[in-house]
Amino acid sequence: MLLQASKDCNHGQILWISSGNEWFYQRGVELGYPRPTTYDDSINTIILASGDVRIATGVYTYTKLRQVKTLKGKIFWCIAFASTDPFEGLPTSAQ
């Protein structure tokens, strides 16, 4: 998994961790869910897998699942730890 800061988010920078959507799909399969075949399946798998890993690692209450866009335009889901946007409800820095 990668820890990165993205400047190209909706309202500022977000500090996030992810290996991309594929990691969430693989985690869902490990939890016993079928590999997603539709967009709705994909979103459900990402939500379930991210919730599981956030609970298992004890970070659920102070992280959020967010969709981000890299500077190169790639869009994917990540677990956000901090944001410069005060409306995100996340810490403003990773401490």
PDB file of N, CA and C in Angstrom:
ATOM      1  N   MET A   1       0.841  -1.174   0.000  1.00  0.00           N
ATOM      2  CA  MET A   1       0.000   0.000   0.000  1.00  0.00           C
ATOM      3  C   MET A   1       0.887   1.238   0.000  1.00  0.00           C
ATOM      4  N   LEU A   2       0.382   2.301  -0.574  1.00  0.00           N
ATOM      5  CA  LEU A   2       1.128   3.540  -0.697  1.00  0.00           C
ATOM      6  C   LEU A   2       0.523   4.628   0.171  1.00  0.00           C
ATOM      7  N   LEU A   3       1.349   5.442   0.779  1.00  0.00           N
ATOM      8  CA  LEU A   3       0.890   6.618   1.509  1.00  0.00           C
ATOM      9  C   LEU A   3       1.306   7.822   0.694  1.00  0.00           C
ATOM     10  N   GLN A   4       0.332   8.599   0.237  1.00  0.00           N
ATOM     11  CA  GLN A   4       0.626   9.715  -0.652  1.00  0.00           C
ATOM     12  C   GLN A   4      -0.235  10.919  -0.319  1.00  0.00           C
ATOM     13  N   ALA A   5       0.198  12.071  -0.790  1.00  0.00           N
ATOM     14  CA  ALA A   5      -0.613  13.277  -0.710  1.00  0.00           C
ATOM     15  C   ALA A   5      -0.972  13.682  -2.123  1.00  0.00           C
ATOM     16  N   SER A   6      -2.214  13.988  -2.342  1.00  0.00           N
ATOM     17  CA  SER A   6      -2.675  14.382  -3.668  1.00  0.00           C
ATOM     18  C   SER A   6      -3.121  15.832  -3.633  1.00  0.00           C
ATOM     19  N   LYS A   7      -2.622  16.640  -4.550  1.00  0.00           N
ATOM     20  CA  LYS A   7      -3.018  18.050  -4.621  1.00  0.00           C
ATOM     21  C   LYS A   7      -4.222  18.257  -5.524  1.00  0.00           C
ATOM     22  N   ASP A   8      -4.641  17.211  -6.223  1.00  0.00           N
ATOM     23  CA  ASP A   8      -5.688  17.362  -7.224  1.00  0.00           C
ATOM     24  C   ASP A   8      -6.999  16.737  -6.756  1.00  0.00           C
ATOM     25  N   CYS A   9      -7.403  17.061  -5.536  1.00  0.00           N
ATOM     26  CA  CYS A   9      -8.669  16.586  -5.014  1.00  0.00           C
ATOM     27  C   CYS A   9      -9.674  17.724  -5.087  1.00  0.00           C
ATOM     28  N   ASN A  10     -10.913  17.452  -4.759  1.00  0.00           N
ATOM     29  CA  ASN A  10     -11.965  18.445  -4.911  1.00  0.00           C
ATOM     30  C   ASN A  10     -11.711  19.733  -4.138  1.00  0.00           C
ATOM     31  N   HIS A  11     -11.240  19.613  -2.892  1.00  0.00           N
ATOM     32  CA  HIS A  11     -11.145  20.807  -2.056  1.00  0.00           C
ATOM     33  C   HIS A  11      -9.819  20.936  -1.340  1.00  0.00           C
ATOM     34  N   GLY A  12      -8.740  20.499  -1.929  1.00  0.00           N
ATOM     35  CA  GLY A  12      -7.443  20.627  -1.289  1.00  0.00           C
ATOM     36  C   GLY A  12      -6.684  19.322  -1.316  1.00  0.00           C
ATOM     37  N   GLN A  13      -5.732  19.197  -0.410  1.00  0.00           N
ATOM     38  CA  GLN A  13      -4.903  18.002  -0.341  1.00  0.00           C
ATOM     39  C   GLN A  13      -5.498  16.986   0.616  1.00  0.00           C
ATOM     40  N   ILE A  14      -5.332  15.723   0.263  1.00  0.00           N
ATOM     41  CA  ILE A  14      -5.740  14.625   1.135  1.00  0.00           C
ATOM     42  C   ILE A  14      -4.547  13.690   1.291  1.00  0.00           C
ATOM     43  N   LEU A  15      -4.230  13.321   2.529  1.00  0.00           N
ATOM     44  CA  LEU A  15      -3.220  12.308   2.785  1.00  0.00           C
ATOM     45  C   LEU A  15      -3.933  10.971   2.809  1.00  0.00           C
ATOM     46  N   TRP A  16      -3.512  10.033   1.954  1.00  0.00           N
ATOM     47  CA  TRP A  16      -4.260   8.798   1.797  1.00  0.00           C
ATOM     48  C   TRP A  16      -3.354   7.600   1.654  1.00  0.00           C
ATOM     49  N   ILE A  17      -3.951   6.441   1.836  1.00  0.00           N
ATOM     50  CA  ILE A  17      -3.234   5.181   1.663  1.00  0.00           C
ATOM     51  C   ILE A  17      -4.061   4.282   0.745  1.00  0.00           C
ATOM     52  N   SER A  18      -3.393   3.693  -0.228  1.00  0.00           N
ATOM     53  CA  SER A  18      -4.092   2.802  -1.153  1.00  0.00           C
ATOM     54  C   SER A  18      -3.098   2.151  -2.087  1.00  0.00           C
ATOM     55  N   SER A  19      -3.486   1.025  -2.629  1.00  0.00           N
ATOM     56  CA  SER A  19      -2.759   0.411  -3.735  1.00  0.00           C
ATOM     57  C   SER A  19      -3.648   0.419  -4.972  1.00  0.00           C
ATOM     58  N   GLY A  20      -4.688   1.223  -4.930  1.00  0.00           N
ATOM     59  CA  GLY A  20      -5.630   1.285  -6.027  1.00  0.00           C
ATOM     60  C   GLY A  20      -6.828   0.392  -5.775  1.00  0.00           C
ATOM     61  N   ASN A  21      -7.812   0.485  -6.648  1.00  0.00           N
ATOM     62  CA  ASN A  21      -9.054  -0.278  -6.482  1.00  0.00           C
ATOM     63  C   ASN A  21      -8.824  -1.777  -6.452  1.00  0.00           C
ATOM     64  N   GLU A  22      -7.842  -2.274  -7.167  1.00  0.00           N
ATOM     65  CA  GLU A  22      -7.591  -3.716  -7.233  1.00  0.00           C
ATOM     66  C   GLU A  22      -7.343  -4.300  -5.844  1.00  0.00           C
ATOM     67  N   TRP A  23      -6.651  -3.564  -4.991  1.00  0.00           N
ATOM     68  CA  TRP A  23      -6.404  -4.059  -3.632  1.00  0.00           C
ATOM     69  C   TRP A  23      -7.721  -4.274  -2.898  1.00  0.00           C
ATOM     70  N   PHE A  24      -8.654  -3.328  -3.036  1.00  0.00           N
ATOM     71  CA  PHE A  24      -9.963  -3.466  -2.384  1.00  0.00           C
ATOM     72  C   PHE A  24     -10.716  -4.677  -2.932  1.00  0.00           C
ATOM     73  N   TYR A  25     -10.647  -4.907  -4.251  1.00  0.00           N
ATOM     74  CA  TYR A  25     -11.317  -6.063  -4.846  1.00  0.00           C
ATOM     75  C   TYR A  25     -10.738  -7.360  -4.282  1.00  0.00           C
ATOM     76  N   GLN A  26      -9.406  -7.440  -4.198  1.00  0.00           N
ATOM     77  CA  GLN A  26      -8.752  -8.631  -3.679  1.00  0.00           C
ATOM     78  C   GLN A  26      -9.125  -8.854  -2.218  1.00  0.00           C
ATOM     79  N   ARG A  27      -9.174  -7.789  -1.441  1.00  0.00           N
ATOM     80  CA  ARG A  27      -9.560  -7.904  -0.028  1.00  0.00           C
ATOM     81  C   ARG A  27     -11.001  -8.418   0.082  1.00  0.00           C
ATOM     82  N   GLY A  28     -11.879  -7.948  -0.772  1.00  0.00           N
ATOM     83  CA  GLY A  28     -13.261  -8.428  -0.779  1.00  0.00           C
ATOM     84  C   GLY A  28     -13.341  -9.917  -1.056  1.00  0.00           C
ATOM     85  N   VAL A  29     -12.550 -10.407  -2.007  1.00  0.00           N
ATOM     86  CA  VAL A  29     -12.510 -11.838  -2.320  1.00  0.00           C
ATOM     87  C   VAL A  29     -12.003 -12.611  -1.099  1.00  0.00           C
ATOM     88  N   GLU A  30     -10.976 -12.090  -0.431  1.00  0.00           N
ATOM     89  CA  GLU A  30     -10.452 -12.743   0.773  1.00  0.00           C
ATOM     90  C   GLU A  30     -11.513 -12.828   1.870  1.00  0.00           C
ATOM     91  N   LEU A  31     -12.429 -11.867   1.902  1.00  0.00           N
ATOM     92  CA  LEU A  31     -13.500 -11.853   2.898  1.00  0.00           C
ATOM     93  C   LEU A  31     -14.684 -12.735   2.487  1.00  0.00           C
ATOM     94  N   GLY A  32     -14.606 -13.304   1.278  1.00  0.00           N
ATOM     95  CA  GLY A  32     -15.650 -14.224   0.836  1.00  0.00           C
ATOM     96  C   GLY A  32     -16.666 -13.630  -0.124  1.00  0.00           C
ATOM     97  N   TYR A  33     -16.437 -12.417  -0.575  1.00  0.00           N
ATOM     98  CA  TYR A  33     -17.347 -11.803  -1.545  1.00  0.00           C
ATOM     99  C   TYR A  33     -16.894 -12.154  -2.954  1.00  0.00           C
ATOM    100  N   PRO A  34     -17.829 -12.297  -3.884  1.00  0.00           N
ATOM    101  CA  PRO A  34     -17.419 -12.595  -5.259  1.00  0.00           C
ATOM    102  C   PRO A  34     -16.726 -11.388  -5.893  1.00  0.00           C
ATOM    103  N   ARG A  35     -15.883 -11.657  -6.859  1.00  0.00           N
ATOM    104  CA  ARG A  35     -15.212 -10.577  -7.592  1.00  0.00           C
ATOM    105  C   ARG A  35     -16.284  -9.737  -8.286  1.00  0.00           C
ATOM    106  N   PRO A  36     -16.196  -8.406  -8.182  1.00  0.00           N
ATOM    107  CA  PRO A  36     -17.247  -7.565  -8.767  1.00  0.00           C
ATOM    108  C   PRO A  36     -17.312  -7.684 -10.291  1.00  0.00           C
ATOM    109  N   THR A  37     -18.548  -7.679 -10.803  1.00  0.00           N
ATOM    110  CA  THR A  37     -18.749  -7.752 -12.249  1.00  0.00           C
ATOM    111  C   THR A  37     -19.498  -6.533 -12.783  1.00  0.00           C
ATOM    112  N   THR A  38     -20.124  -5.763 -11.890  1.00  0.00           N
ATOM    113  CA  THR A  38     -20.841  -4.553 -12.303  1.00  0.00           C
ATOM    114  C   THR A  38     -20.307  -3.365 -11.504  1.00  0.00           C
ATOM    115  N   TYR A  39     -20.685  -2.170 -11.912  1.00  0.00           N
ATOM    116  CA  TYR A  39     -20.264  -0.968 -11.192  1.00  0.00           C
ATOM    117  C   TYR A  39     -20.771  -1.004  -9.755  1.00  0.00           C
ATOM    118  N   ASP A  40     -22.040  -1.374  -9.557  1.00  0.00           N
ATOM    119  CA  ASP A  40     -22.594  -1.450  -8.206  1.00  0.00           C
ATOM    120  C   ASP A  40     -21.860  -2.483  -7.350  1.00  0.00           C
ATOM    121  N   ASP A  41     -21.550  -3.637  -7.937  1.00  0.00           N
ATOM    122  CA  ASP A  41     -20.769  -4.643  -7.214  1.00  0.00           C
ATOM    123  C   ASP A  41     -19.409  -4.090  -6.806  1.00  0.00           C
ATOM    124  N   SER A  42     -18.813  -3.344  -7.714  1.00  0.00           N
ATOM    125  CA  SER A  42     -17.503  -2.761  -7.454  1.00  0.00           C
ATOM    126  C   SER A  42     -17.539  -1.805  -6.266  1.00  0.00           C
ATOM    127  N   ILE A  43     -18.515  -0.914  -6.248  1.00  0.00           N
ATOM    128  CA  ILE A  43     -18.653   0.048  -5.156  1.00  0.00           C
ATOM    129  C   ILE A  43     -18.920  -0.672  -3.848  1.00  0.00           C
ATOM    130  N   ASN A  44     -19.820  -1.660  -3.860  1.00  0.00           N
ATOM    131  CA  ASN A  44     -20.120  -2.411  -2.637  1.00  0.00           C
ATOM    132  C   ASN A  44     -18.891  -3.131  -2.098  1.00  0.00           C
ATOM    133  N   THR A  45     -18.110  -3.727  -2.981  1.00  0.00           N
ATOM    134  CA  THR A  45     -16.901  -4.427  -2.558  1.00  0.00           C
ATOM    135  C   THR A  45     -15.897  -3.464  -1.946  1.00  0.00           C
ATOM    136  N   ILE A  46     -15.710  -2.316  -2.571  1.00  0.00           N
ATOM    137  CA  ILE A  46     -14.777  -1.316  -2.054  1.00  0.00           C
ATOM    138  C   ILE A  46     -15.220  -0.835  -0.671  1.00  0.00           C
ATOM    139  N   ILE A  47     -16.498  -0.571  -0.494  1.00  0.00           N
ATOM    140  CA  ILE A  47     -17.019  -0.110   0.804  1.00  0.00           C
ATOM    141  C   ILE A  47     -16.816  -1.181   1.874  1.00  0.00           C
ATOM    142  N   LEU A  48     -17.178  -2.428   1.558  1.00  0.00           N
ATOM    143  CA  LEU A  48     -17.040  -3.515   2.534  1.00  0.00           C
ATOM    144  C   LEU A  48     -15.574  -3.787   2.878  1.00  0.00           C
ATOM    145  N   ALA A  49     -14.719  -3.838   1.870  1.00  0.00           N
ATOM    146  CA  ALA A  49     -13.302  -4.144   2.099  1.00  0.00           C
ATOM    147  C   ALA A  49     -12.611  -3.021   2.864  1.00  0.00           C
ATOM    148  N   SER A  50     -12.918  -1.778   2.516  1.00  0.00           N
ATOM    149  CA  SER A  50     -12.269  -0.665   3.219  1.00  0.00           C
ATOM    150  C   SER A  50     -12.741  -0.590   4.666  1.00  0.00           C
ATOM    151  N   GLY A  51     -14.021  -0.823   4.886  1.00  0.00           N
ATOM    152  CA  GLY A  51     -14.536  -0.831   6.255  1.00  0.00           C
ATOM    153  C   GLY A  51     -13.888  -1.916   7.085  1.00  0.00           C
ATOM    154  N   ASP A  52     -13.718  -3.101   6.504  1.00  0.00           N
ATOM    155  CA  ASP A  52     -13.086  -4.208   7.218  1.00  0.00           C
ATOM    156  C   ASP A  52     -11.656  -3.871   7.616  1.00  0.00           C
ATOM    157  N   VAL A  53     -10.868  -3.374   6.682  1.00  0.00           N
ATOM    158  CA  VAL A  53      -9.461  -3.099   6.984  1.00  0.00           C
ATOM    159  C   VAL A  53      -9.323  -1.918   7.946  1.00  0.00           C
ATOM    160  N   ARG A  54     -10.214  -0.933   7.849  1.00  0.00           N
ATOM    161  CA  ARG A  54     -10.156   0.208   8.769  1.00  0.00           C
ATOM    162  C   ARG A  54     -10.519  -0.213  10.191  1.00  0.00           C
ATOM    163  N   ILE A  55     -11.480  -1.126  10.330  1.00  0.00           N
ATOM    164  CA  ILE A  55     -11.846  -1.651  11.656  1.00  0.00           C
ATOM    165  C   ILE A  55     -10.721  -2.533  12.198  1.00  0.00           C
ATOM    166  N   ALA A  56     -10.206  -3.418  11.358  1.00  0.00           N
ATOM    167  CA  ALA A  56      -9.161  -4.355  11.785  1.00  0.00           C
ATOM    168  C   ALA A  56      -7.891  -3.644  12.239  1.00  0.00           C
ATOM    169  N   THR A  57      -7.603  -2.493  11.646  1.00  0.00           N
ATOM    170  CA  THR A  57      -6.387  -1.760  12.006  1.00  0.00           C
ATOM    171  C   THR A  57      -6.630  -0.669  13.039  1.00  0.00           C
ATOM    172  N   GLY A  58      -7.882  -0.489  13.450  1.00  0.00           N
ATOM    173  CA  GLY A  58      -8.195   0.474  14.496  1.00  0.00           C
ATOM    174  C   GLY A  58      -8.209   1.926  14.055  1.00  0.00           C
ATOM    175  N   VAL A  59      -8.369   2.179  12.757  1.00  0.00           N
ATOM    176  CA  VAL A  59      -8.361   3.566  12.273  1.00  0.00           C
ATOM    177  C   VAL A  59      -9.729   4.022  11.756  1.00  0.00           C
ATOM    178  N   TYR A  60     -10.750   3.201  11.929  1.00  0.00           N
ATOM    179  CA  TYR A  60     -12.065   3.494  11.339  1.00  0.00           C
ATOM    180  C   TYR A  60     -12.627   4.851  11.746  1.00  0.00           C
ATOM    181  N   THR A  61     -12.511   5.192  13.018  1.00  0.00           N
ATOM    182  CA  THR A  61     -13.174   6.411  13.510  1.00  0.00           C
ATOM    183  C   THR A  61     -12.500   7.705  13.058  1.00  0.00           C
ATOM    184  N   TYR A  62     -11.251   7.667  12.621  1.00  0.00           N
ATOM    185  CA  TYR A  62     -10.613   8.915  12.191  1.00  0.00           C
ATOM    186  C   TYR A  62     -10.081   8.875  10.758  1.00  0.00           C
ATOM    187  N   THR A  63     -10.655   7.988   9.945  1.00  0.00           N
ATOM    188  CA  THR A  63     -10.361   7.958   8.508  1.00  0.00           C
ATOM    189  C   THR A  63     -11.670   7.936   7.736  1.00  0.00           C
ATOM    190  N   LYS A  64     -11.576   8.205   6.455  1.00  0.00           N
ATOM    191  CA  LYS A  64     -12.760   8.169   5.593  1.00  0.00           C
ATOM    192  C   LYS A  64     -12.399   7.532   4.265  1.00  0.00           C
ATOM    193  N   LEU A  65     -13.370   6.877   3.672  1.00  0.00           N
ATOM    194  CA  LEU A  65     -13.206   6.355   2.326  1.00  0.00           C
ATOM    195  C   LEU A  65     -13.491   7.496   1.359  1.00  0.00           C
ATOM    196  N   ARG A  66     -12.544   7.787   0.487  1.00  0.00           N
ATOM    197  CA  ARG A  66     -12.697   8.894  -0.451  1.00  0.00           C
ATOM    198  C   ARG A  66     -12.231   8.488  -1.841  1.00  0.00           C
ATOM    199  N   GLN A  67     -12.871   9.077  -2.838  1.00  0.00           N
ATOM    200  CA  GLN A  67     -12.421   8.898  -4.212  1.00  0.00           C
ATOM    201  C   GLN A  67     -11.520  10.079  -4.538  1.00  0.00           C
ATOM    202  N   VAL A  68     -10.336   9.799  -5.051  1.00  0.00           N
ATOM    203  CA  VAL A  68      -9.386  10.852  -5.374  1.00  0.00           C
ATOM    204  C   VAL A  68      -8.978  10.785  -6.841  1.00  0.00           C
ATOM    205  N   LYS A  69      -8.422  11.878  -7.300  1.00  0.00           N
ATOM    206  CA  LYS A  69      -7.926  11.980  -8.669  1.00  0.00           C
ATOM    207  C   LYS A  69      -6.471  12.421  -8.592  1.00  0.00           C
ATOM    208  N   THR A  70      -5.582  11.642  -9.182  1.00  0.00           N
ATOM    209  CA  THR A  70      -4.166  11.991  -9.162  1.00  0.00           C
ATOM    210  C   THR A  70      -3.896  13.146 -10.119  1.00  0.00           C
ATOM    211  N   LEU A  71      -2.710  13.696 -10.036  1.00  0.00           N
ATOM    212  CA  LEU A  71      -2.328  14.784 -10.932  1.00  0.00           C
ATOM    213  C   LEU A  71      -2.353  14.342 -12.399  1.00  0.00           C
ATOM    214  N   LYS A  72      -2.176  13.053 -12.630  1.00  0.00           N
ATOM    215  CA  LYS A  72      -2.211  12.514 -13.996  1.00  0.00           C
ATOM    216  C   LYS A  72      -3.617  12.137 -14.440  1.00  0.00           C
ATOM    217  N   GLY A  73      -4.628  12.365 -13.576  1.00  0.00           N
ATOM    218  CA  GLY A  73      -6.012  12.133 -13.954  1.00  0.00           C
ATOM    219  C   GLY A  73      -6.589  10.780 -13.597  1.00  0.00           C
ATOM    220  N   LYS A  74      -5.812   9.920 -12.939  1.00  0.00           N
ATOM    221  CA  LYS A  74      -6.323   8.608 -12.548  1.00  0.00           C
ATOM    222  C   LYS A  74      -7.242   8.769 -11.338  1.00  0.00           C
ATOM    223  N   ILE A  75      -8.431   8.176 -11.417  1.00  0.00           N
ATOM    224  CA  ILE A  75      -9.411   8.266 -10.341  1.00  0.00           C
ATOM    225  C   ILE A  75      -9.530   6.899  -9.672  1.00  0.00           C
ATOM    226  N   PHE A  76      -9.447   6.885  -8.347  1.00  0.00           N
ATOM    227  CA  PHE A  76      -9.611   5.646  -7.606  1.00  0.00           C
ATOM    228  C   PHE A  76      -9.994   5.946  -6.164  1.00  0.00           C
ATOM    229  N   TRP A  77     -10.355   4.885  -5.425  1.00  0.00           N
ATOM    230  CA  TRP A  77     -10.772   5.009  -4.035  1.00  0.00           C
ATOM    231  C   TRP A  77      -9.577   4.833  -3.118  1.00  0.00           C
ATOM    232  N   CYS A  78      -9.618   5.503  -1.968  1.00  0.00           N
ATOM    233  CA  CYS A  78      -8.536   5.397  -1.004  1.00  0.00           C
ATOM    234  C   CYS A  78      -9.070   5.590   0.406  1.00  0.00           C
ATOM    235  N   ILE A  79      -8.238   5.278   1.375  1.00  0.00           N
ATOM    236  CA  ILE A  79      -8.545   5.548   2.775  1.00  0.00           C
ATOM    237  C   ILE A  79      -7.818   6.833   3.133  1.00  0.00           C
ATOM    238  N   ALA A  80      -8.577   7.876   3.449  1.00  0.00           N
ATOM    239  CA  ALA A  80      -8.004   9.193   3.724  1.00  0.00           C
ATOM    240  C   ALA A  80      -7.747   9.365   5.216  1.00  0.00           C
ATOM    241  N   PHE A  81      -6.551   9.857   5.538  1.00  0.00           N
ATOM    242  CA  PHE A  81      -6.152  10.089   6.925  1.00  0.00           C
ATOM    243  C   PHE A  81      -6.167  11.567   7.299  1.00  0.00           C
ATOM    244  N   ALA A  82      -5.954  12.454   6.351  1.00  0.00           N
ATOM    245  CA  ALA A  82      -5.900  13.887   6.647  1.00  0.00           C
ATOM    246  C   ALA A  82      -6.271  14.661   5.394  1.00  0.00           C
ATOM    247  N   SER A  83      -6.713  15.895   5.588  1.00  0.00           N
ATOM    248  CA  SER A  83      -7.103  16.731   4.459  1.00  0.00           C
ATOM    249  C   SER A  83      -6.898  18.201   4.812  1.00  0.00           C
ATOM    250  N   THR A  84      -6.558  19.016   3.815  1.00  0.00           N
ATOM    251  CA  THR A  84      -6.468  20.455   4.042  1.00  0.00           C
ATOM    252  C   THR A  84      -7.837  21.120   3.948  1.00  0.00           C
ATOM    253  N   ASP A  85      -8.857  20.366   3.551  1.00  0.00           N
ATOM    254  CA  ASP A  85     -10.223  20.882   3.460  1.00  0.00           C
ATOM    255  C   ASP A  85     -10.903  20.715   4.822  1.00  0.00           C
ATOM    256  N   PRO A  86     -11.249  21.807   5.503  1.00  0.00           N
ATOM    257  CA  PRO A  86     -11.858  21.691   6.827  1.00  0.00           C
ATOM    258  C   PRO A  86     -13.230  21.026   6.796  1.00  0.00           C
ATOM    259  N   PHE A  87     -13.887  20.988   5.651  1.00  0.00           N
ATOM    260  CA  PHE A  87     -15.212  20.387   5.533  1.00  0.00           C
ATOM    261  C   PHE A  87     -15.161  18.864   5.421  1.00  0.00           C
ATOM    262  N   GLU A  88     -13.983  18.290   5.246  1.00  0.00           N
ATOM    263  CA  GLU A  88     -13.827  16.835   5.166  1.00  0.00           C
ATOM    264  C   GLU A  88     -14.040  16.166   6.519  1.00  0.00           C
ATOM    265  N   GLY A  89     -13.831  16.888   7.603  1.00  0.00           N
ATOM    266  CA  GLY A  89     -13.964  16.287   8.932  1.00  0.00           C
ATOM    267  C   GLY A  89     -12.806  15.380   9.288  1.00  0.00           C
ATOM    268  N   LEU A  90     -11.668  15.597   8.654  1.00  0.00           N
ATOM    269  CA  LEU A  90     -10.454  14.824   8.906  1.00  0.00           C
ATOM    270  C   LEU A  90      -9.406  15.734   9.544  1.00  0.00           C
ATOM    271  N   PRO A  91      -8.396  15.150  10.207  1.00  0.00           N
ATOM    272  CA  PRO A  91      -7.306  15.994  10.705  1.00  0.00           C
ATOM    273  C   PRO A  91      -6.693  16.782   9.554  1.00  0.00           C
ATOM    274  N   THR A  92      -6.098  17.915   9.858  1.00  0.00           N
ATOM    275  CA  THR A  92      -5.489  18.735   8.811  1.00  0.00           C
ATOM    276  C   THR A  92      -4.065  18.308   8.519  1.00  0.00           C
ATOM    277  N   SER A  93      -3.532  17.367   9.278  1.00  0.00           N
ATOM    278  CA  SER A  93      -2.211  16.793   9.000  1.00  0.00           C
ATOM    279  C   SER A  93      -2.160  15.401   9.601  1.00  0.00           C
ATOM    280  N   ALA A  94      -1.261  14.584   9.061  1.00  0.00           N
ATOM    281  CA  ALA A  94      -1.068  13.242   9.611  1.00  0.00           C
ATOM    282  C   ALA A  94      -0.064  13.358  10.747  1.00  0.00           C
ATOM    283  N   GLN A  95      -0.518  13.155  11.953  1.00  0.00           N
ATOM    284  CA  GLN A  95       0.363  13.335  13.115  1.00  0.00           C
ATOM    285  C   GLN A  95       0.806  12.022  13.659  1.00  0.00           C
TER     286      GLN A  95
END
